[in-house]
């Protein structure tokens, strides 16, 4: 398998839309995490180099009552 042809994709944008277009600022305040990190996940910025803390994943999953599989997916890169 060519691992350079796949990437981790965060579906936070879709999740926020399902929650009445919740703002990044509100989410940041609610879960107590940096707004810039949430923005990077929202826009999938540098996902191939990003280190996402387990605590942030837990916060997002608990807050939205979802699983990590609901939050992330593996996508092929062309």
PDB file of N, CA and C in Angstrom:
ATOM      1  N   UNK A   1       0.845  -1.186   0.000  1.00  0.00           N
ATOM      2  CA  UNK A   1       0.000   0.000   0.000  1.00  0.00           C
ATOM      3  C   UNK A   1       0.882   1.239   0.000  1.00  0.00           C
ATOM      4  N   UNK A   2       0.495   2.214  -0.767  1.00  0.00           N
ATOM      5  CA  UNK A   2       1.214   3.483  -0.842  1.00  0.00           C
ATOM      6  C   UNK A   2       0.577   4.468   0.145  1.00  0.00           C
ATOM      7  N   UNK A   3       1.192   4.615   1.290  1.00  0.00           N
ATOM      8  CA  UNK A   3       0.621   5.445   2.348  1.00  0.00           C
ATOM      9  C   UNK A   3       0.668   6.938   2.028  1.00  0.00           C
ATOM     10  N   UNK A   4       1.443   7.330   1.023  1.00  0.00           N
ATOM     11  CA  UNK A   4       1.479   8.736   0.618  1.00  0.00           C
ATOM     12  C   UNK A   4       0.220   9.127  -0.155  1.00  0.00           C
ATOM     13  N   UNK A   5      -0.582   8.166  -0.512  1.00  0.00           N
ATOM     14  CA  UNK A   5      -1.792   8.426  -1.302  1.00  0.00           C
ATOM     15  C   UNK A   5      -3.061   8.506  -0.452  1.00  0.00           C
ATOM     16  N   UNK A   6      -2.896   8.481   0.862  1.00  0.00           N
ATOM     17  CA  UNK A   6      -4.057   8.601   1.760  1.00  0.00           C
ATOM     18  C   UNK A   6      -3.779   9.661   2.820  1.00  0.00           C
ATOM     19  N   UNK A   7      -4.847  10.246   3.331  1.00  0.00           N
ATOM     20  CA  UNK A   7      -4.716  11.259   4.370  1.00  0.00           C
ATOM     21  C   UNK A   7      -5.896  11.172   5.334  1.00  0.00           C
ATOM     22  N   UNK A   8      -5.700  11.687   6.514  1.00  0.00           N
ATOM     23  CA  UNK A   8      -6.763  11.771   7.511  1.00  0.00           C
ATOM     24  C   UNK A   8      -7.592  13.019   7.224  1.00  0.00           C
ATOM     25  N   UNK A   9      -8.887  12.862   7.174  1.00  0.00           N
ATOM     26  CA  UNK A   9      -9.793  13.986   6.915  1.00  0.00           C
ATOM     27  C   UNK A   9     -10.719  14.157   8.115  1.00  0.00           C
ATOM     28  N   UNK A  10     -10.777  15.360   8.646  1.00  0.00           N
ATOM     29  CA  UNK A  10     -11.652  15.673   9.772  1.00  0.00           C
ATOM     30  C   UNK A  10     -12.985  16.187   9.234  1.00  0.00           C
ATOM     31  N   UNK A  11     -14.062  15.648   9.753  1.00  0.00           N
ATOM     32  CA  UNK A  11     -15.403  16.014   9.291  1.00  0.00           C
ATOM     33  C   UNK A  11     -16.061  17.035  10.227  1.00  0.00           C
ATOM     34  N   UNK A  12     -15.256  17.833  10.909  1.00  0.00           N
ATOM     35  CA  UNK A  12     -15.778  18.807  11.859  1.00  0.00           C
ATOM     36  C   UNK A  12     -16.697  19.828  11.184  1.00  0.00           C
ATOM     37  N   UNK A  13     -16.397  20.206   9.957  1.00  0.00           N
ATOM     38  CA  UNK A  13     -17.230  21.156   9.229  1.00  0.00           C
ATOM     39  C   UNK A  13     -18.658  20.628   9.110  1.00  0.00           C
ATOM     40  N   UNK A  14     -18.799  19.367   8.724  1.00  0.00           N
ATOM     41  CA  UNK A  14     -20.124  18.753   8.591  1.00  0.00           C
ATOM     42  C   UNK A  14     -20.831  18.684   9.946  1.00  0.00           C
ATOM     43  N   UNK A  15     -20.076  18.367  10.971  1.00  0.00           N
ATOM     44  CA  UNK A  15     -20.645  18.234  12.317  1.00  0.00           C
ATOM     45  C   UNK A  15     -21.161  19.584  12.820  1.00  0.00           C
ATOM     46  N   UNK A  16     -20.387  20.641  12.603  1.00  0.00           N
ATOM     47  CA  UNK A  16     -20.823  21.973  13.034  1.00  0.00           C
ATOM     48  C   UNK A  16     -22.084  22.406  12.286  1.00  0.00           C
ATOM     49  N   UNK A  17     -22.161  22.085  10.999  1.00  0.00           N
ATOM     50  CA  UNK A  17     -23.350  22.436  10.215  1.00  0.00           C
ATOM     51  C   UNK A  17     -24.586  21.731  10.767  1.00  0.00           C
ATOM     52  N   UNK A  18     -24.419  20.496  11.197  1.00  0.00           N
ATOM     53  CA  UNK A  18     -25.546  19.739  11.756  1.00  0.00           C
ATOM     54  C   UNK A  18     -25.984  20.285  13.113  1.00  0.00           C
ATOM     55  N   UNK A  19     -25.131  21.063  13.735  1.00  0.00           N
ATOM     56  CA  UNK A  19     -25.445  21.662  15.035  1.00  0.00           C
ATOM     57  C   UNK A  19     -25.708  23.158  14.869  1.00  0.00           C
ATOM     58  N   UNK A  20     -26.635  23.465  13.990  1.00  0.00           N
ATOM     59  CA  UNK A  20     -27.081  24.848  13.749  1.00  0.00           C
ATOM     60  C   UNK A  20     -25.944  25.786  13.381  1.00  0.00           C
ATOM     61  N   UNK A  21     -25.012  25.286  12.561  1.00  0.00           N
ATOM     62  CA  UNK A  21     -23.876  26.104  12.133  1.00  0.00           C
ATOM     63  C   UNK A  21     -23.150  26.737  13.313  1.00  0.00           C
ATOM     64  N   UNK A  22     -22.881  25.919  14.317  1.00  0.00           N
ATOM     65  CA  UNK A  22     -22.175  26.399  15.510  1.00  0.00           C
ATOM     66  C   UNK A  22     -20.869  27.079  15.112  1.00  0.00           C
ATOM     67  N   UNK A  23     -20.550  28.168  15.753  1.00  0.00           N
ATOM     68  CA  UNK A  23     -19.319  28.891  15.441  1.00  0.00           C
ATOM     69  C   UNK A  23     -18.117  28.220  16.105  1.00  0.00           C
ATOM     70  N   UNK A  24     -16.969  28.444  15.504  1.00  0.00           N
ATOM     71  CA  UNK A  24     -15.727  27.927  16.062  1.00  0.00           C
ATOM     72  C   UNK A  24     -15.458  28.571  17.413  1.00  0.00           C
ATOM     73  N   UNK A  25     -15.777  29.849  17.539  1.00  0.00           N
ATOM     74  CA  UNK A  25     -15.574  30.543  18.818  1.00  0.00           C
ATOM     75  C   UNK A  25     -16.395  29.901  19.932  1.00  0.00           C
ATOM     76  N   UNK A  26     -17.656  29.602  19.641  1.00  0.00           N
ATOM     77  CA  UNK A  26     -18.504  28.983  20.661  1.00  0.00           C
ATOM     78  C   UNK A  26     -17.969  27.608  21.031  1.00  0.00           C
ATOM     79  N   UNK A  27     -17.605  26.809  20.027  1.00  0.00           N
ATOM     80  CA  UNK A  27     -17.069  25.476  20.305  1.00  0.00           C
ATOM     81  C   UNK A  27     -15.800  25.571  21.138  1.00  0.00           C
ATOM     82  N   UNK A  28     -14.926  26.486  20.773  1.00  0.00           N
ATOM     83  CA  UNK A  28     -13.675  26.687  21.502  1.00  0.00           C
ATOM     84  C   UNK A  28     -13.949  26.996  22.977  1.00  0.00           C
ATOM     85  N   UNK A  29     -14.882  27.892  23.228  1.00  0.00           N
ATOM     86  CA  UNK A  29     -15.239  28.247  24.607  1.00  0.00           C
ATOM     87  C   UNK A  29     -15.868  27.067  25.342  1.00  0.00           C
ATOM     88  N   UNK A  30     -16.756  26.347  24.662  1.00  0.00           N
ATOM     89  CA  UNK A  30     -17.487  25.245  25.288  1.00  0.00           C
ATOM     90  C   UNK A  30     -16.572  24.095  25.715  1.00  0.00           C
ATOM     91  N   UNK A  31     -15.578  23.776  24.867  1.00  0.00           N
ATOM     92  CA  UNK A  31     -14.721  22.629  25.191  1.00  0.00           C
ATOM     93  C   UNK A  31     -13.386  23.037  25.805  1.00  0.00           C
ATOM     94  N   UNK A  32     -13.121  24.339  25.849  1.00  0.00           N
ATOM     95  CA  UNK A  32     -11.887  24.822  26.461  1.00  0.00           C
ATOM     96  C   UNK A  32     -10.641  24.452  25.676  1.00  0.00           C
ATOM     97  N   UNK A  33     -10.722  24.632  24.344  1.00  0.00           N
ATOM     98  CA  UNK A  33      -9.562  24.334  23.509  1.00  0.00           C
ATOM     99  C   UNK A  33      -9.311  25.504  22.562  1.00  0.00           C
ATOM    100  N   UNK A  34      -8.054  25.643  22.120  1.00  0.00           N
ATOM    101  CA  UNK A  34      -7.651  26.774  21.279  1.00  0.00           C
ATOM    102  C   UNK A  34      -8.465  26.858  19.993  1.00  0.00           C
ATOM    103  N   UNK A  35      -8.898  28.044  19.683  1.00  0.00           N
ATOM    104  CA  UNK A  35      -9.663  28.309  18.465  1.00  0.00           C
ATOM    105  C   UNK A  35      -8.858  27.976  17.217  1.00  0.00           C
ATOM    106  N   UNK A  36      -7.570  28.303  17.221  1.00  0.00           N
ATOM    107  CA  UNK A  36      -6.747  28.060  16.024  1.00  0.00           C
ATOM    108  C   UNK A  36      -6.637  26.570  15.702  1.00  0.00           C
ATOM    109  N   UNK A  37      -6.521  25.744  16.717  1.00  0.00           N
ATOM    110  CA  UNK A  37      -6.451  24.299  16.490  1.00  0.00           C
ATOM    111  C   UNK A  37      -7.759  23.787  15.904  1.00  0.00           C
ATOM    112  N   UNK A  38      -8.867  24.282  16.426  1.00  0.00           N
ATOM    113  CA  UNK A  38     -10.173  23.878  15.910  1.00  0.00           C
ATOM    114  C   UNK A  38     -10.337  24.335  14.462  1.00  0.00           C
ATOM    115  N   UNK A  39      -9.874  25.537  14.148  1.00  0.00           N
ATOM    116  CA  UNK A  39      -9.928  26.039  12.768  1.00  0.00           C
ATOM    117  C   UNK A  39      -9.112  25.154  11.832  1.00  0.00           C
ATOM    118  N   UNK A  40      -7.943  24.722  12.280  1.00  0.00           N
ATOM    119  CA  UNK A  40      -7.109  23.846  11.459  1.00  0.00           C
ATOM    120  C   UNK A  40      -7.824  22.526  11.180  1.00  0.00           C
ATOM    121  N   UNK A  41      -8.505  21.976  12.168  1.00  0.00           N
ATOM    122  CA  UNK A  41      -9.277  20.748  11.954  1.00  0.00           C
ATOM    123  C   UNK A  41     -10.455  21.010  11.019  1.00  0.00           C
ATOM    124  N   UNK A  42     -11.113  22.123  11.215  1.00  0.00           N
ATOM    125  CA  UNK A  42     -12.262  22.481  10.396  1.00  0.00           C
ATOM    126  C   UNK A  42     -11.884  22.557   8.915  1.00  0.00           C
ATOM    127  N   UNK A  43     -10.707  23.115   8.636  1.00  0.00           N
ATOM    128  CA  UNK A  43     -10.256  23.312   7.254  1.00  0.00           C
ATOM    129  C   UNK A  43      -9.268  22.233   6.793  1.00  0.00           C
ATOM    130  N   UNK A  44      -9.032  21.239   7.640  1.00  0.00           N
ATOM    131  CA  UNK A  44      -8.112  20.149   7.304  1.00  0.00           C
ATOM    132  C   UNK A  44      -6.750  20.667   6.867  1.00  0.00           C
ATOM    133  N   UNK A  45      -6.232  21.601   7.624  1.00  0.00           N
ATOM    134  CA  UNK A  45      -4.946  22.222   7.340  1.00  0.00           C
ATOM    135  C   UNK A  45      -3.798  21.317   7.787  1.00  0.00           C
ATOM    136  N   UNK A  46      -2.916  20.998   6.859  1.00  0.00           N
ATOM    137  CA  UNK A  46      -1.718  20.192   7.137  1.00  0.00           C
ATOM    138  C   UNK A  46      -2.023  18.908   7.908  1.00  0.00           C
ATOM    139  N   UNK A  47      -3.085  18.228   7.534  1.00  0.00           N
ATOM    140  CA  UNK A  47      -3.488  17.029   8.267  1.00  0.00           C
ATOM    141  C   UNK A  47      -2.429  15.937   8.206  1.00  0.00           C
ATOM    142  N   UNK A  48      -1.625  15.904   7.155  1.00  0.00           N
ATOM    143  CA  UNK A  48      -0.583  14.877   7.053  1.00  0.00           C
ATOM    144  C   UNK A  48       0.557  15.112   8.039  1.00  0.00           C
ATOM    145  N   UNK A  49       0.659  16.329   8.570  1.00  0.00           N
ATOM    146  CA  UNK A  49       1.722  16.650   9.521  1.00  0.00           C
ATOM    147  C   UNK A  49       1.199  16.953  10.925  1.00  0.00           C
ATOM    148  N   UNK A  50      -0.129  17.013  11.067  1.00  0.00           N
ATOM    149  CA  UNK A  50      -0.738  17.435  12.323  1.00  0.00           C
ATOM    150  C   UNK A  50      -0.713  16.325  13.371  1.00  0.00           C
ATOM    151  N   UNK A  51      -0.457  16.719  14.603  1.00  0.00           N
ATOM    152  CA  UNK A  51      -0.574  15.828  15.753  1.00  0.00           C
ATOM    153  C   UNK A  51      -1.794  16.294  16.529  1.00  0.00           C
ATOM    154  N   UNK A  52      -2.809  15.455  16.552  1.00  0.00           N
ATOM    155  CA  UNK A  52      -4.057  15.802  17.219  1.00  0.00           C
ATOM    156  C   UNK A  52      -4.080  15.092  18.565  1.00  0.00           C
ATOM    157  N   UNK A  53      -4.211  15.854  19.621  1.00  0.00           N
ATOM    158  CA  UNK A  53      -4.159  15.257  20.957  1.00  0.00           C
ATOM    159  C   UNK A  53      -5.391  14.398  21.208  1.00  0.00           C
ATOM    160  N   UNK A  54      -5.170  13.321  21.937  1.00  0.00           N
ATOM    161  CA  UNK A  54      -6.269  12.433  22.311  1.00  0.00           C
ATOM    162  C   UNK A  54      -7.288  13.194  23.147  1.00  0.00           C
ATOM    163  N   UNK A  55      -6.828  14.128  23.969  1.00  0.00           N
ATOM    164  CA  UNK A  55      -7.767  14.881  24.810  1.00  0.00           C
ATOM    165  C   UNK A  55      -8.708  15.733  23.962  1.00  0.00           C
ATOM    166  N   UNK A  56      -8.224  16.303  22.862  1.00  0.00           N
ATOM    167  CA  UNK A  56      -9.086  17.085  21.982  1.00  0.00           C
ATOM    168  C   UNK A  56     -10.096  16.172  21.286  1.00  0.00           C
ATOM    169  N   UNK A  57      -9.647  15.027  20.834  1.00  0.00           N
ATOM    170  CA  UNK A  57     -10.566  14.082  20.190  1.00  0.00           C
ATOM    171  C   UNK A  57     -11.660  13.667  21.165  1.00  0.00           C
ATOM    172  N   UNK A  58     -11.276  13.382  22.396  1.00  0.00           N
ATOM    173  CA  UNK A  58     -12.256  12.994  23.426  1.00  0.00           C
ATOM    174  C   UNK A  58     -13.244  14.136  23.673  1.00  0.00           C
ATOM    175  N   UNK A  59     -12.738  15.359  23.813  1.00  0.00           N
ATOM    176  CA  UNK A  59     -13.617  16.500  24.054  1.00  0.00           C
ATOM    177  C   UNK A  59     -14.646  16.655  22.940  1.00  0.00           C
ATOM    178  N   UNK A  60     -14.186  16.585  21.699  1.00  0.00           N
ATOM    179  CA  UNK A  60     -15.091  16.740  20.559  1.00  0.00           C
ATOM    180  C   UNK A  60     -16.120  15.605  20.514  1.00  0.00           C
ATOM    181  N   UNK A  61     -15.667  14.382  20.739  1.00  0.00           N
ATOM    182  CA  UNK A  61     -16.578  13.234  20.691  1.00  0.00           C
ATOM    183  C   UNK A  61     -17.621  13.296  21.806  1.00  0.00           C
ATOM    184  N   UNK A  62     -17.197  13.636  22.998  1.00  0.00           N
ATOM    185  CA  UNK A  62     -18.140  13.725  24.119  1.00  0.00           C
ATOM    186  C   UNK A  62     -19.102  14.893  23.899  1.00  0.00           C
ATOM    187  N   UNK A  63     -18.576  16.032  23.493  1.00  0.00           N
ATOM    188  CA  UNK A  63     -19.408  17.219  23.302  1.00  0.00           C
ATOM    189  C   UNK A  63     -20.514  16.971  22.273  1.00  0.00           C
ATOM    190  N   UNK A  64     -20.148  16.337  21.140  1.00  0.00           N
ATOM    191  CA  UNK A  64     -21.120  16.100  20.073  1.00  0.00           C
ATOM    192  C   UNK A  64     -21.793  14.726  20.154  1.00  0.00           C
ATOM    193  N   UNK A  65     -21.417  13.934  21.157  1.00  0.00           N
ATOM    194  CA  UNK A  65     -21.958  12.581  21.321  1.00  0.00           C
ATOM    195  C   UNK A  65     -21.751  11.759  20.049  1.00  0.00           C
ATOM    196  N   UNK A  66     -20.479  11.713  19.621  1.00  0.00           N
ATOM    197  CA  UNK A  66     -20.093  10.975  18.424  1.00  0.00           C
ATOM    198  C   UNK A  66     -18.887  10.097  18.749  1.00  0.00           C
ATOM    199  N   UNK A  67     -18.484   9.288  17.789  1.00  0.00           N
ATOM    200  CA  UNK A  67     -17.290   8.460  17.933  1.00  0.00           C
ATOM    201  C   UNK A  67     -16.164   9.049  17.084  1.00  0.00           C
ATOM    202  N   UNK A  68     -14.924   8.621  17.307  1.00  0.00           N
ATOM    203  CA  UNK A  68     -13.833   9.082  16.446  1.00  0.00           C
ATOM    204  C   UNK A  68     -14.082   8.748  14.968  1.00  0.00           C
ATOM    205  N   UNK A  69     -14.794   7.653  14.697  1.00  0.00           N
ATOM    206  CA  UNK A  69     -15.123   7.312  13.309  1.00  0.00           C
ATOM    207  C   UNK A  69     -16.087   8.317  12.693  1.00  0.00           C
ATOM    208  N   UNK A  70     -16.893   8.966  13.506  1.00  0.00           N
ATOM    209  CA  UNK A  70     -17.784  10.015  13.008  1.00  0.00           C
ATOM    210  C   UNK A  70     -17.016  11.307  12.735  1.00  0.00           C
ATOM    211  N   UNK A  71     -15.925  11.486  13.442  1.00  0.00           N
ATOM    212  CA  UNK A  71     -15.140  12.717  13.365  1.00  0.00           C
ATOM    213  C   UNK A  71     -14.088  12.685  12.255  1.00  0.00           C
ATOM    214  N   UNK A  72     -13.535  11.509  12.002  1.00  0.00           N
ATOM    215  CA  UNK A  72     -12.449  11.375  11.028  1.00  0.00           C
ATOM    216  C   UNK A  72     -12.738  10.284  10.015  1.00  0.00           C
ATOM    217  N   UNK A  73     -12.121  10.425   8.841  1.00  0.00           N
ATOM    218  CA  UNK A  73     -12.136   9.372   7.834  1.00  0.00           C
ATOM    219  C   UNK A  73     -10.821   9.411   7.070  1.00  0.00           C
ATOM    220  N   UNK A  74     -10.506   8.301   6.447  1.00  0.00           N
ATOM    221  CA  UNK A  74      -9.317   8.215   5.610  1.00  0.00           C
ATOM    222  C   UNK A  74      -9.746   8.476   4.177  1.00  0.00           C
ATOM    223  N   UNK A  75      -9.054   9.383   3.509  1.00  0.00           N
ATOM    224  CA  UNK A  75      -9.375   9.711   2.099  1.00  0.00           C
ATOM    225  C   UNK A  75      -8.153   9.494   1.226  1.00  0.00           C
ATOM    226  N   UNK A  76      -8.415   9.100   0.027  1.00  0.00           N
ATOM    227  CA  UNK A  76      -7.364   8.973  -0.986  1.00  0.00           C
ATOM    228  C   UNK A  76      -6.988  10.344  -1.504  1.00  0.00           C
ATOM    229  N   UNK A  77      -5.713  10.559  -1.740  1.00  0.00           N
ATOM    230  CA  UNK A  77      -5.197  11.806  -2.289  1.00  0.00           C
ATOM    231  C   UNK A  77      -4.801  11.521  -3.725  1.00  0.00           C
ATOM    232  N   UNK A  78      -5.282  12.331  -4.636  1.00  0.00           N
ATOM    233  CA  UNK A  78      -4.938  12.134  -6.062  1.00  0.00           C
ATOM    234  C   UNK A  78      -3.746  12.928  -6.481  1.00  0.00           C
TER     235      UNK A  78
END
